[in-house]
Amino acid sequence: MSGSDEMQPLSRSSRYVILGGSEEGTTRHVKLGVRWLLIVGAALFTAACIRGGDDTALSAEEVADRYGYVVENADLTPSYAIVPGYESLDDAYARDLLARDCLGDVVPYQPMHPDETGKFVDERTGQVVFDEEIAAEWGYSADRLESRPDTAVPDDVTVTDEILDEMTRCGERADERLGDPPARPIKAIEDAGWDAVGASEELEDAYRAWAECMEPQGVIDLPDAPSEMPSKSVQTEGSRIETAPDVFELDDSVLPDQREIDVAVADARCRDELDIDGITRRVRATAELEAIGENLEAFEAARADYQDYQRRLDEVIAEFGG
């Protein structure tokens, strides 16, 4: 199954959660659902975070050899493959477990187990999964139609100001125990990969070929890149509610019409034939390897920090899981 790697990922942290920690990533128009209270706001990361320190940089090939990473065969980019703790689903689960324990009798709180991942979205990377099979059934609507709990608090519970204060306090306690994930240099590395996507001539050529492949569909407002689909003319009427210029809410009750499905299927075939997802992953991976090589010392320190952080998560899961 081909993942839709050409678009910036949905952030798992776009859910408001009583989890503590940091919110990172780029969101699409669709939120993955609300779990609960956001404790710490989004941090801004730049590629400068991973530069400096070593005078001698390693090439992308040298970094790949060092970690046994094969660009052509990898399903994940280096930031995820070489650092298993980065954006780990264990983070949210451990914080949920701490929240359940801390809230006690204040409010029922049901942790989401990390195995509860989506069929249409890779919960760890935030990538929407889009292929011909999904397109044939759901058009472009799979990401909004997927059923997932909106909150870890039952819908019939009214969250009062007093309960909200307790949730905030519990989130702070979770932060005190776990700390923040050491995401800064790894996030900057991932961002370097996405920056390369925007500057890739190879992908520009692939997008032009994709536009030619899509010509028989007669999409009058076909965008420059497949990641911008569906365009407005393709969207099923009533599936999106315009709330502001260029901003749409999703209406889960409206199923895709046949026109949207036909275009989506053709789109999925064109992307597959041109290997757009594969090209995107390779461009991202190469740029990430180059970014790692610019300051290997900082990257290794971040890997070690993630190993320590994972140990803290494992301790919480062992103590409060089940």
C-alpha atoms as a PDB file:
ATOM      1  CA  MET A   1       0.000   0.000   0.000  1.00  0.00           C
ATOM      2  CA  SER A   2       1.379   3.390  -0.984  1.00  0.00           C
ATOM      3  CA  GLY A   3       1.449   6.147   1.594  1.00  0.00           C
ATOM      4  CA  SER A   4       0.809   9.737   0.597  1.00  0.00           C
ATOM      5  CA  ASP A   5       4.289  11.007   1.466  1.00  0.00           C
ATOM      6  CA  GLU A   6       4.216  13.986  -0.848  1.00  0.00           C
ATOM      7  CA  MET A   7       2.276  16.127   1.625  1.00  0.00           C
ATOM      8  CA  GLN A   8       3.344  17.556   4.949  1.00  0.00           C
ATOM      9  CA  PRO A   9       2.184  15.316   7.757  1.00  0.00           C
ATOM     10  CA  LEU A  10      -0.814  15.763   9.971  1.00  0.00           C
ATOM     11  CA  SER A  11       0.473  16.306  13.461  1.00  0.00           C
ATOM     12  CA  ARG A  12      -0.570  13.743  16.037  1.00  0.00           C
ATOM     13  CA  SER A  13      -0.373  16.625  18.497  1.00  0.00           C
ATOM     14  CA  SER A  14      -3.048  18.596  16.633  1.00  0.00           C
ATOM     15  CA  ARG A  15      -5.381  16.902  19.077  1.00  0.00           C
ATOM     16  CA  TYR A  16      -5.773  18.920  22.257  1.00  0.00           C
ATOM     17  CA  VAL A  17      -4.472  16.533  24.865  1.00  0.00           C
ATOM     18  CA  ILE A  18      -3.882  16.325  28.587  1.00  0.00           C
ATOM     19  CA  LEU A  19      -0.544  14.862  27.795  1.00  0.00           C
ATOM     20  CA  GLY A  20       1.967  17.602  28.366  1.00  0.00           C
ATOM     21  CA  GLY A  21       4.954  17.639  26.061  1.00  0.00           C
ATOM     22  CA  SER A  22       5.347  19.669  22.889  1.00  0.00           C
ATOM     23  CA  GLU A  23       3.166  20.036  19.832  1.00  0.00           C
ATOM     24  CA  GLU A  24       4.994  19.844  16.525  1.00  0.00           C
ATOM     25  CA  GLY A  25       4.322  19.069  12.907  1.00  0.00           C
ATOM     26  CA  THR A  26       2.326  20.622  10.118  1.00  0.00           C
ATOM     27  CA  THR A  27      -1.437  20.121  10.064  1.00  0.00           C
ATOM     28  CA  ARG A  28      -3.631  19.720   7.038  1.00  0.00           C
ATOM     29  CA  HIS A  29      -7.229  21.056   7.027  1.00  0.00           C
ATOM     30  CA  VAL A  30      -8.319  17.936   8.903  1.00  0.00           C
ATOM     31  CA  LYS A  31      -7.709  17.549  12.645  1.00  0.00           C
ATOM     32  CA  LEU A  32      -7.210  14.014  13.835  1.00  0.00           C
ATOM     33  CA  GLY A  33      -9.766  14.497  16.628  1.00  0.00           C
ATOM     34  CA  VAL A  34      -9.685  16.038  20.089  1.00  0.00           C
ATOM     35  CA  ARG A  35      -8.365  13.984  22.950  1.00  0.00           C
ATOM     36  CA  TRP A  36      -8.096  16.795  25.477  1.00  0.00           C
ATOM     37  CA  LEU A  37      -6.125  19.733  26.821  1.00  0.00           C
ATOM     38  CA  LEU A  38      -2.991  21.109  25.176  1.00  0.00           C
ATOM     39  CA  ILE A  39      -0.523  21.885  27.941  1.00  0.00           C
ATOM     40  CA  VAL A  40       2.487  23.167  26.052  1.00  0.00           C
ATOM     41  CA  GLY A  41       2.196  25.201  22.835  1.00  0.00           C
ATOM     42  CA  ALA A  42       3.938  24.558  19.539  1.00  0.00           C
ATOM     43  CA  ALA A  43       7.676  25.199  19.327  1.00  0.00           C
ATOM     44  CA  LEU A  44       9.333  26.606  16.245  1.00  0.00           C
ATOM     45  CA  PHE A  45      12.195  24.653  14.766  1.00  0.00           C
ATOM     46  CA  THR A  46      14.720  25.560  12.088  1.00  0.00           C
ATOM     47  CA  ALA A  47      17.488  23.719  10.370  1.00  0.00           C
ATOM     48  CA  ALA A  48      19.940  25.873  12.340  1.00  0.00           C
ATOM     49  CA  CYS A  49      19.223  23.645  15.325  1.00  0.00           C
ATOM     50  CA  ILE A  50      21.241  20.845  13.746  1.00  0.00           C
ATOM     51  CA  ARG A  51      24.127  22.866  12.361  1.00  0.00           C
ATOM     52  CA  GLY A  52      27.325  23.866  14.065  1.00  0.00           C
ATOM     53  CA  GLY A  53      29.649  21.940  16.300  1.00  0.00           C
ATOM     54  CA  ASP A  54      31.646  19.656  13.998  1.00  0.00           C
ATOM     55  CA  ASP A  55      33.901  21.095  11.314  1.00  0.00           C
ATOM     56  CA  THR A  56      33.781  17.871   9.320  1.00  0.00           C
ATOM     57  CA  ALA A  57      30.460  16.901   7.803  1.00  0.00           C
ATOM     58  CA  LEU A  58      29.552  13.438   6.576  1.00  0.00           C
ATOM     59  CA  SER A  59      27.900  12.918   3.216  1.00  0.00           C
ATOM     60  CA  ALA A  60      24.432  11.422   2.897  1.00  0.00           C
ATOM     61  CA  GLU A  61      25.992   8.166   1.699  1.00  0.00           C
ATOM     62  CA  GLU A  62      28.342   8.027   4.687  1.00  0.00           C
ATOM     63  CA  VAL A  63      25.505   8.607   7.125  1.00  0.00           C
ATOM     64  CA  ALA A  64      23.393   5.944   5.422  1.00  0.00           C
ATOM     65  CA  ASP A  65      26.260   3.453   5.656  1.00  0.00           C
ATOM     66  CA  ARG A  66      26.845   4.299   9.305  1.00  0.00           C
ATOM     67  CA  TYR A  67      23.287   3.400  10.281  1.00  0.00           C
ATOM     68  CA  GLY A  68      22.584   0.719   7.684  1.00  0.00           C
ATOM     69  CA  TYR A  69      19.884   2.875   6.112  1.00  0.00           C
ATOM     70  CA  VAL A  70      19.009   2.059   2.490  1.00  0.00           C
ATOM     71  CA  VAL A  71      17.286   5.002   0.824  1.00  0.00           C
ATOM     72  CA  GLU A  72      15.766   2.945  -2.000  1.00  0.00           C
ATOM     73  CA  ASN A  73      14.151   0.367   0.296  1.00  0.00           C
ATOM     74  CA  ALA A  74      13.145   2.354   3.367  1.00  0.00           C
ATOM     75  CA  ASP A  75       9.484   2.930   4.230  1.00  0.00           C
ATOM     76  CA  LEU A  76      10.353   5.641   6.761  1.00  0.00           C
ATOM     77  CA  THR A  77      12.684   8.601   6.439  1.00  0.00           C
ATOM     78  CA  PRO A  78      15.798   8.611   8.665  1.00  0.00           C
ATOM     79  CA  SER A  79      14.320  10.820  11.380  1.00  0.00           C
ATOM     80  CA  TYR A  80      11.769   8.076  12.051  1.00  0.00           C
ATOM     81  CA  ALA A  81      13.743   4.986  11.082  1.00  0.00           C
ATOM     82  CA  ILE A  82      16.992   5.768  12.889  1.00  0.00           C
ATOM     83  CA  VAL A  83      15.305   7.317  15.940  1.00  0.00           C
ATOM     84  CA  PRO A  84      12.485   4.892  16.853  1.00  0.00           C
ATOM     85  CA  GLY A  85      11.434   7.050  19.809  1.00  0.00           C
ATOM     86  CA  TYR A  86      10.727  10.104  17.650  1.00  0.00           C
ATOM     87  CA  GLU A  87       6.953  10.742  17.626  1.00  0.00           C
ATOM     88  CA  SER A  88       6.487   7.412  19.413  1.00  0.00           C
ATOM     89  CA  LEU A  89       2.867   6.478  20.113  1.00  0.00           C
ATOM     90  CA  ASP A  90       4.055   5.380  23.547  1.00  0.00           C
ATOM     91  CA  ASP A  91       4.359   9.050  24.482  1.00  0.00           C
ATOM     92  CA  ALA A  92       0.642   9.786  24.253  1.00  0.00           C
ATOM     93  CA  TYR A  93      -0.234   6.464  25.873  1.00  0.00           C
ATOM     94  CA  ALA A  94       2.062   6.989  28.859  1.00  0.00           C
ATOM     95  CA  ARG A  95       0.690  10.482  29.413  1.00  0.00           C
ATOM     96  CA  ASP A  96      -2.840   9.147  29.149  1.00  0.00           C
ATOM     97  CA  LEU A  97      -2.036   6.550  31.804  1.00  0.00           C
ATOM     98  CA  LEU A  98      -0.653   9.230  34.110  1.00  0.00           C
ATOM     99  CA  ALA A  99      -3.760  11.334  33.486  1.00  0.00           C
ATOM    100  CA  ARG A 100      -6.065   8.445  34.385  1.00  0.00           C
ATOM    101  CA  ASP A 101      -4.174   7.815  37.609  1.00  0.00           C
ATOM    102  CA  CYS A 102      -3.984  11.493  38.550  1.00  0.00           C
ATOM    103  CA  LEU A 103      -7.623  12.306  37.839  1.00  0.00           C
ATOM    104  CA  GLY A 104      -8.823   9.378  39.940  1.00  0.00           C
ATOM    105  CA  ASP A 105     -12.468   9.967  40.830  1.00  0.00           C
ATOM    106  CA  VAL A 106     -12.528  13.481  39.358  1.00  0.00           C
ATOM    107  CA  VAL A 107     -13.557  12.354  35.875  1.00  0.00           C
ATOM    108  CA  PRO A 108     -13.455   9.059  33.938  1.00  0.00           C
ATOM    109  CA  TYR A 109     -10.462   9.023  31.610  1.00  0.00           C
ATOM    110  CA  GLN A 110      -9.831   6.195  29.165  1.00  0.00           C
ATOM    111  CA  PRO A 111      -6.330   6.003  27.696  1.00  0.00           C
ATOM    112  CA  MET A 112      -5.961   5.211  24.010  1.00  0.00           C
ATOM    113  CA  HIS A 113      -3.680   2.237  23.522  1.00  0.00           C
ATOM    114  CA  PRO A 114      -0.935   2.834  20.929  1.00  0.00           C
ATOM    115  CA  ASP A 115      -2.216  -0.092  18.848  1.00  0.00           C
ATOM    116  CA  GLU A 116      -5.359   1.905  18.125  1.00  0.00           C
ATOM    117  CA  THR A 117      -3.948   3.366  14.932  1.00  0.00           C
ATOM    118  CA  GLY A 118      -5.875   4.525  11.913  1.00  0.00           C
ATOM    119  CA  LYS A 119      -6.367   2.699   8.664  1.00  0.00           C
ATOM    120  CA  PHE A 120      -6.195   5.887   6.637  1.00  0.00           C
ATOM    121  CA  VAL A 121      -3.601   7.853   8.592  1.00  0.00           C
ATOM    122  CA  ASP A 122      -0.232   6.719   9.888  1.00  0.00           C
ATOM    123  CA  GLU A 123      -0.619   7.880  13.469  1.00  0.00           C
ATOM    124  CA  ARG A 124       3.103   8.150  14.102  1.00  0.00           C
ATOM    125  CA  THR A 125       4.161  10.127  11.038  1.00  0.00           C
ATOM    126  CA  GLY A 126       0.825  11.861  10.456  1.00  0.00           C
ATOM    127  CA  GLN A 127       0.841  10.841   6.797  1.00  0.00           C
ATOM    128  CA  VAL A 128      -2.493  10.302   5.089  1.00  0.00           C
ATOM    129  CA  VAL A 129      -2.630   6.926   3.336  1.00  0.00           C
ATOM    130  CA  PHE A 130      -3.977   7.246  -0.214  1.00  0.00           C
ATOM    131  CA  ASP A 131      -4.063   4.489  -2.810  1.00  0.00           C
ATOM    132  CA  GLU A 132      -6.376   3.139  -5.495  1.00  0.00           C
ATOM    133  CA  GLU A 133      -8.235   0.798  -3.162  1.00  0.00           C
ATOM    134  CA  ILE A 134      -9.037   3.556  -0.691  1.00  0.00           C
ATOM    135  CA  ALA A 135      -9.890   5.992  -3.489  1.00  0.00           C
ATOM    136  CA  ALA A 136     -12.356   3.531  -5.039  1.00  0.00           C
ATOM    137  CA  GLU A 137     -14.336   3.331  -1.808  1.00  0.00           C
ATOM    138  CA  TRP A 138     -13.852   6.713  -0.164  1.00  0.00           C
ATOM    139  CA  GLY A 139     -12.615   9.141  -2.813  1.00  0.00           C
ATOM    140  CA  TYR A 140     -10.558  11.725  -0.978  1.00  0.00           C
ATOM    141  CA  SER A 141     -12.696  11.407   2.124  1.00  0.00           C
ATOM    142  CA  ALA A 142     -11.075   8.553   4.029  1.00  0.00           C
ATOM    143  CA  ASP A 143      -9.221  10.805   6.436  1.00  0.00           C
ATOM    144  CA  ARG A 144     -12.409  12.471   7.611  1.00  0.00           C
ATOM    145  CA  LEU A 145     -14.617   9.387   7.638  1.00  0.00           C
ATOM    146  CA  GLU A 146     -12.353   7.313   9.836  1.00  0.00           C
ATOM    147  CA  SER A 147     -13.945   6.638  13.201  1.00  0.00           C
ATOM    148  CA  ARG A 148     -11.793   7.533  16.180  1.00  0.00           C
ATOM    149  CA  PRO A 149     -12.689   8.800  19.645  1.00  0.00           C
ATOM    150  CA  ASP A 150     -12.734  12.577  19.909  1.00  0.00           C
ATOM    151  CA  THR A 151     -11.769  12.615  23.566  1.00  0.00           C
ATOM    152  CA  ALA A 152     -10.578  10.339  26.331  1.00  0.00           C
ATOM    153  CA  VAL A 153     -13.416  11.711  28.480  1.00  0.00           C
ATOM    154  CA  PRO A 154     -16.883  10.196  27.865  1.00  0.00           C
ATOM    155  CA  ASP A 155     -19.224  12.373  25.818  1.00  0.00           C
ATOM    156  CA  ASP A 156     -21.821  12.429  28.597  1.00  0.00           C
ATOM    157  CA  VAL A 157     -19.424  14.064  31.063  1.00  0.00           C
ATOM    158  CA  THR A 158     -19.651  17.837  31.412  1.00  0.00           C
ATOM    159  CA  VAL A 159     -16.187  19.272  31.916  1.00  0.00           C
ATOM    160  CA  THR A 160     -16.532  22.073  34.468  1.00  0.00           C
ATOM    161  CA  ASP A 161     -13.943  24.715  35.239  1.00  0.00           C
ATOM    162  CA  GLU A 162     -12.982  22.750  38.340  1.00  0.00           C
ATOM    163  CA  ILE A 163     -12.416  19.582  36.300  1.00  0.00           C
ATOM    164  CA  LEU A 164     -10.449  21.571  33.743  1.00  0.00           C
ATOM    165  CA  ASP A 165      -8.198  22.906  36.492  1.00  0.00           C
ATOM    166  CA  GLU A 166      -7.557  19.363  37.688  1.00  0.00           C
ATOM    167  CA  MET A 167      -6.752  18.244  34.167  1.00  0.00           C
ATOM    168  CA  THR A 168      -4.261  21.076  33.832  1.00  0.00           C
ATOM    169  CA  ARG A 169      -2.658  20.140  37.141  1.00  0.00           C
ATOM    170  CA  CYS A 170      -2.397  16.510  36.081  1.00  0.00           C
ATOM    171  CA  GLY A 171      -0.826  17.488  32.791  1.00  0.00           C
ATOM    172  CA  GLU A 172       1.788  19.496  34.663  1.00  0.00           C
ATOM    173  CA  ARG A 173       2.504  16.494  36.894  1.00  0.00           C
ATOM    174  CA  ALA A 174       3.007  14.343  33.802  1.00  0.00           C
ATOM    175  CA  ASP A 175       5.488  16.897  32.481  1.00  0.00           C
ATOM    176  CA  GLU A 176       7.350  16.832  35.776  1.00  0.00           C
ATOM    177  CA  ARG A 177       7.707  13.055  35.641  1.00  0.00           C
ATOM    178  CA  LEU A 178       8.447  12.592  31.953  1.00  0.00           C
ATOM    179  CA  GLY A 179       9.875  15.893  30.850  1.00  0.00           C
ATOM    180  CA  ASP A 180       9.641  16.924  27.217  1.00  0.00           C
ATOM    181  CA  PRO A 181      10.685  14.651  24.353  1.00  0.00           C
ATOM    182  CA  PRO A 182      14.042  15.827  22.934  1.00  0.00           C
ATOM    183  CA  ALA A 183      12.480  16.610  19.587  1.00  0.00           C
ATOM    184  CA  ARG A 184      14.237  19.824  18.575  1.00  0.00           C
ATOM    185  CA  PRO A 185      17.149  18.530  16.467  1.00  0.00           C
ATOM    186  CA  ILE A 186      15.163  15.590  15.066  1.00  0.00           C
ATOM    187  CA  LYS A 187      12.276  17.830  14.079  1.00  0.00           C
ATOM    188  CA  ALA A 188      14.721  20.154  12.338  1.00  0.00           C
ATOM    189  CA  ILE A 189      16.086  17.164  10.412  1.00  0.00           C
ATOM    190  CA  GLU A 190      12.591  16.132   9.345  1.00  0.00           C
ATOM    191  CA  ASP A 191      11.878  19.725   8.281  1.00  0.00           C
ATOM    192  CA  ALA A 192      15.024  19.696   6.151  1.00  0.00           C
ATOM    193  CA  GLY A 193      13.524  16.773   4.251  1.00  0.00           C
ATOM    194  CA  TRP A 194      10.294  18.637   3.593  1.00  0.00           C
ATOM    195  CA  ASP A 195      12.232  21.731   2.505  1.00  0.00           C
ATOM    196  CA  ALA A 196      13.998  19.555  -0.066  1.00  0.00           C
ATOM    197  CA  VAL A 197      10.638  18.374  -1.397  1.00  0.00           C
ATOM    198  CA  GLY A 198       9.666  21.968  -2.110  1.00  0.00           C
ATOM    199  CA  ALA A 199      12.911  22.589  -3.997  1.00  0.00           C
ATOM    200  CA  SER A 200      13.195  19.284  -5.903  1.00  0.00           C
ATOM    201  CA  GLU A 201      13.444  19.544  -9.687  1.00  0.00           C
ATOM    202  CA  GLU A 202      12.838  15.794  -9.914  1.00  0.00           C
ATOM    203  CA  LEU A 203       9.501  16.231  -8.186  1.00  0.00           C
ATOM    204  CA  GLU A 204       8.636  19.237 -10.340  1.00  0.00           C
ATOM    205  CA  ASP A 205       9.101  17.014 -13.388  1.00  0.00           C
ATOM    206  CA  ALA A 206       6.990  14.286 -11.751  1.00  0.00           C
ATOM    207  CA  TYR A 207       4.229  16.786 -11.000  1.00  0.00           C
ATOM    208  CA  ARG A 208       4.167  17.919 -14.635  1.00  0.00           C
ATOM    209  CA  ALA A 209       3.887  14.295 -15.720  1.00  0.00           C
ATOM    210  CA  TRP A 210       1.110  13.810 -13.161  1.00  0.00           C
ATOM    211  CA  ALA A 211      -0.794  16.773 -14.620  1.00  0.00           C
ATOM    212  CA  GLU A 212      -0.549  15.215 -18.096  1.00  0.00           C
ATOM    213  CA  CYS A 213      -1.715  11.877 -16.699  1.00  0.00           C
ATOM    214  CA  MET A 214      -4.727  13.605 -15.135  1.00  0.00           C
ATOM    215  CA  GLU A 215      -5.753  15.494 -18.287  1.00  0.00           C
ATOM    216  CA  PRO A 216      -8.424  12.939 -19.340  1.00  0.00           C
ATOM    217  CA  GLN A 217     -10.278  13.652 -16.089  1.00  0.00           C
ATOM    218  CA  GLY A 218     -11.021  17.218 -17.156  1.00  0.00           C
ATOM    219  CA  VAL A 219     -10.372  18.776 -13.769  1.00  0.00           C
ATOM    220  CA  ILE A 220     -10.723  22.494 -14.498  1.00  0.00           C
ATOM    221  CA  ASP A 221      -8.841  23.585 -11.373  1.00  0.00           C
ATOM    222  CA  LEU A 222      -6.176  20.886 -11.240  1.00  0.00           C
ATOM    223  CA  PRO A 223      -3.503  22.085  -8.795  1.00  0.00           C
ATOM    224  CA  ASP A 224       0.236  22.110  -9.408  1.00  0.00           C
ATOM    225  CA  ALA A 225       0.889  19.201  -7.042  1.00  0.00           C
ATOM    226  CA  PRO A 226      -1.107  16.056  -6.204  1.00  0.00           C
ATOM    227  CA  SER A 227      -0.839  16.841  -2.505  1.00  0.00           C
ATOM    228  CA  GLU A 228      -3.274  19.714  -3.106  1.00  0.00           C
ATOM    229  CA  MET A 229      -6.040  17.387  -4.277  1.00  0.00           C
ATOM    230  CA  PRO A 230      -8.960  17.367  -4.141  1.00  0.00           C
ATOM    231  CA  SER A 231      -9.450  20.732  -5.753  1.00  0.00           C
ATOM    232  CA  LYS A 232     -12.714  22.531  -5.130  1.00  0.00           C
ATOM    233  CA  SER A 233     -14.397  21.368  -8.350  1.00  0.00           C
ATOM    234  CA  VAL A 234     -13.736  17.721  -7.436  1.00  0.00           C
ATOM    235  CA  GLN A 235     -14.976  17.853  -3.858  1.00  0.00           C
ATOM    236  CA  THR A 236     -18.384  16.298  -3.368  1.00  0.00           C
ATOM    237  CA  GLU A 237     -20.974  19.033  -3.043  1.00  0.00           C
ATOM    238  CA  GLY A 238     -21.715  19.632   0.616  1.00  0.00           C
ATOM    239  CA  SER A 239     -18.728  17.643   1.868  1.00  0.00           C
ATOM    240  CA  ARG A 240     -16.949  20.759   2.999  1.00  0.00           C
ATOM    241  CA  ILE A 241     -18.528  23.769   4.672  1.00  0.00           C
ATOM    242  CA  GLU A 242     -16.789  27.036   3.907  1.00  0.00           C
ATOM    243  CA  THR A 243     -16.171  28.973   7.125  1.00  0.00           C
ATOM    244  CA  ALA A 244     -13.748  31.561   5.775  1.00  0.00           C
ATOM    245  CA  PRO A 245     -11.949  32.218   2.492  1.00  0.00           C
ATOM    246  CA  ASP A 246     -10.000  29.061   1.599  1.00  0.00           C
ATOM    247  CA  VAL A 247     -10.899  27.407   4.925  1.00  0.00           C
ATOM    248  CA  PHE A 248     -13.243  24.428   4.990  1.00  0.00           C
ATOM    249  CA  GLU A 249     -14.755  22.319   7.714  1.00  0.00           C
ATOM    250  CA  LEU A 250     -15.457  18.677   6.911  1.00  0.00           C
ATOM    251  CA  ASP A 251     -18.976  17.286   7.008  1.00  0.00           C
ATOM    252  CA  ASP A 252     -18.711  13.610   7.978  1.00  0.00           C
ATOM    253  CA  SER A 253     -22.301  12.930   6.979  1.00  0.00           C
ATOM    254  CA  VAL A 254     -21.739  13.507   3.257  1.00  0.00           C
ATOM    255  CA  LEU A 255     -20.297  10.552   1.330  1.00  0.00           C
ATOM    256  CA  PRO A 256     -18.228  11.158  -1.808  1.00  0.00           C
ATOM    257  CA  ASP A 257     -20.130  11.217  -5.088  1.00  0.00           C
ATOM    258  CA  GLN A 258     -19.128   9.212  -8.152  1.00  0.00           C
ATOM    259  CA  ARG A 259     -17.254  12.111  -9.759  1.00  0.00           C
ATOM    260  CA  GLU A 260     -14.978  12.477  -6.733  1.00  0.00           C
ATOM    261  CA  ILE A 261     -14.374   8.726  -6.621  1.00  0.00           C
ATOM    262  CA  ASP A 262     -13.564   8.512 -10.356  1.00  0.00           C
ATOM    263  CA  VAL A 263     -11.066  11.363 -10.142  1.00  0.00           C
ATOM    264  CA  ALA A 264      -9.557   9.973  -6.940  1.00  0.00           C
ATOM    265  CA  VAL A 265      -9.019   6.545  -8.521  1.00  0.00           C
ATOM    266  CA  ALA A 266      -7.376   8.097 -11.594  1.00  0.00           C
ATOM    267  CA  ASP A 267      -5.263  10.265  -9.318  1.00  0.00           C
ATOM    268  CA  ALA A 268      -4.104   7.268  -7.275  1.00  0.00           C
ATOM    269  CA  ARG A 269      -3.176   5.381 -10.461  1.00  0.00           C
ATOM    270  CA  CYS A 270      -1.203   8.304 -11.849  1.00  0.00           C
ATOM    271  CA  ARG A 271       0.699   8.762  -8.599  1.00  0.00           C
ATOM    272  CA  ASP A 272       1.519   5.067  -8.509  1.00  0.00           C
ATOM    273  CA  GLU A 273       2.609   4.871 -12.152  1.00  0.00           C
ATOM    274  CA  LEU A 274       4.916   7.860 -11.700  1.00  0.00           C
ATOM    275  CA  ASP A 275       6.141   6.671  -8.285  1.00  0.00           C
ATOM    276  CA  ILE A 276       5.503  10.100  -6.807  1.00  0.00           C
ATOM    277  CA  ASP A 277       5.375   8.776  -3.250  1.00  0.00           C
ATOM    278  CA  GLY A 278       8.638   6.898  -3.765  1.00  0.00           C
ATOM    279  CA  ILE A 279      10.401   9.910  -5.267  1.00  0.00           C
ATOM    280  CA  THR A 280       9.176  12.061  -2.395  1.00  0.00           C
ATOM    281  CA  ARG A 281      10.452   9.639   0.219  1.00  0.00           C
ATOM    282  CA  ARG A 282      13.847   9.418  -1.469  1.00  0.00           C
ATOM    283  CA  VAL A 283      14.171  13.200  -1.739  1.00  0.00           C
ATOM    284  CA  ARG A 284      13.217  13.600   1.909  1.00  0.00           C
ATOM    285  CA  ALA A 285      15.502  10.790   3.026  1.00  0.00           C
ATOM    286  CA  THR A 286      18.542  12.121   1.193  1.00  0.00           C
ATOM    287  CA  ALA A 287      18.046  15.612   2.608  1.00  0.00           C
ATOM    288  CA  GLU A 288      17.592  14.234   6.115  1.00  0.00           C
ATOM    289  CA  LEU A 289      20.801  12.212   5.811  1.00  0.00           C
ATOM    290  CA  GLU A 290      22.639  15.321   4.688  1.00  0.00           C
ATOM    291  CA  ALA A 291      21.228  17.254   7.651  1.00  0.00           C
ATOM    292  CA  ILE A 292      22.332  14.503  10.037  1.00  0.00           C
ATOM    293  CA  GLY A 293      25.807  14.538   8.517  1.00  0.00           C
ATOM    294  CA  GLU A 294      26.140  18.278   9.089  1.00  0.00           C
ATOM    295  CA  ASN A 295      26.266  17.702  12.830  1.00  0.00           C
ATOM    296  CA  LEU A 296      26.495  14.074  13.727  1.00  0.00           C
ATOM    297  CA  GLU A 297      27.368  14.890  17.327  1.00  0.00           C
ATOM    298  CA  ALA A 298      24.061  16.698  17.923  1.00  0.00           C
ATOM    299  CA  PHE A 299      22.151  13.898  16.242  1.00  0.00           C
ATOM    300  CA  GLU A 300      23.809  11.211  18.353  1.00  0.00           C
ATOM    301  CA  ALA A 301      23.085  13.209  21.509  1.00  0.00           C
ATOM    302  CA  ALA A 302      19.421  13.442  20.513  1.00  0.00           C
ATOM    303  CA  ARG A 303      19.279   9.679  19.865  1.00  0.00           C
ATOM    304  CA  ALA A 304      20.687   9.042  23.320  1.00  0.00           C
ATOM    305  CA  ASP A 305      18.184  11.463  24.852  1.00  0.00           C
ATOM    306  CA  TYR A 306      15.366   9.629  23.109  1.00  0.00           C
ATOM    307  CA  GLN A 307      16.566   6.324  24.517  1.00  0.00           C
ATOM    308  CA  ASP A 308      16.442   7.827  28.007  1.00  0.00           C
ATOM    309  CA  TYR A 309      13.017   9.299  27.321  1.00  0.00           C
ATOM    310  CA  GLN A 310      11.722   5.953  26.061  1.00  0.00           C
ATOM    311  CA  ARG A 311      12.894   4.316  29.282  1.00  0.00           C
ATOM    312  CA  ARG A 312      10.775   6.777  31.257  1.00  0.00           C
ATOM    313  CA  LEU A 313       7.790   6.019  29.042  1.00  0.00           C
ATOM    314  CA  ASP A 314       8.327   2.280  29.501  1.00  0.00           C
ATOM    315  CA  GLU A 315       8.418   2.702  33.279  1.00  0.00           C
ATOM    316  CA  VAL A 316       5.089   4.540  33.275  1.00  0.00           C
ATOM    317  CA  ILE A 317       3.471   1.999  30.954  1.00  0.00           C
ATOM    318  CA  ALA A 318       4.733  -0.868  33.113  1.00  0.00           C
ATOM    319  CA  GLU A 319       3.442   0.807  36.276  1.00  0.00           C
ATOM    320  CA  PHE A 320       0.047   2.060  35.117  1.00  0.00           C
ATOM    321  CA  GLY A 321      -0.738   0.084  31.950  1.00  0.00           C
ATOM    322  CA  GLY A 322      -3.561  -2.383  31.581  1.00  0.00           C
END
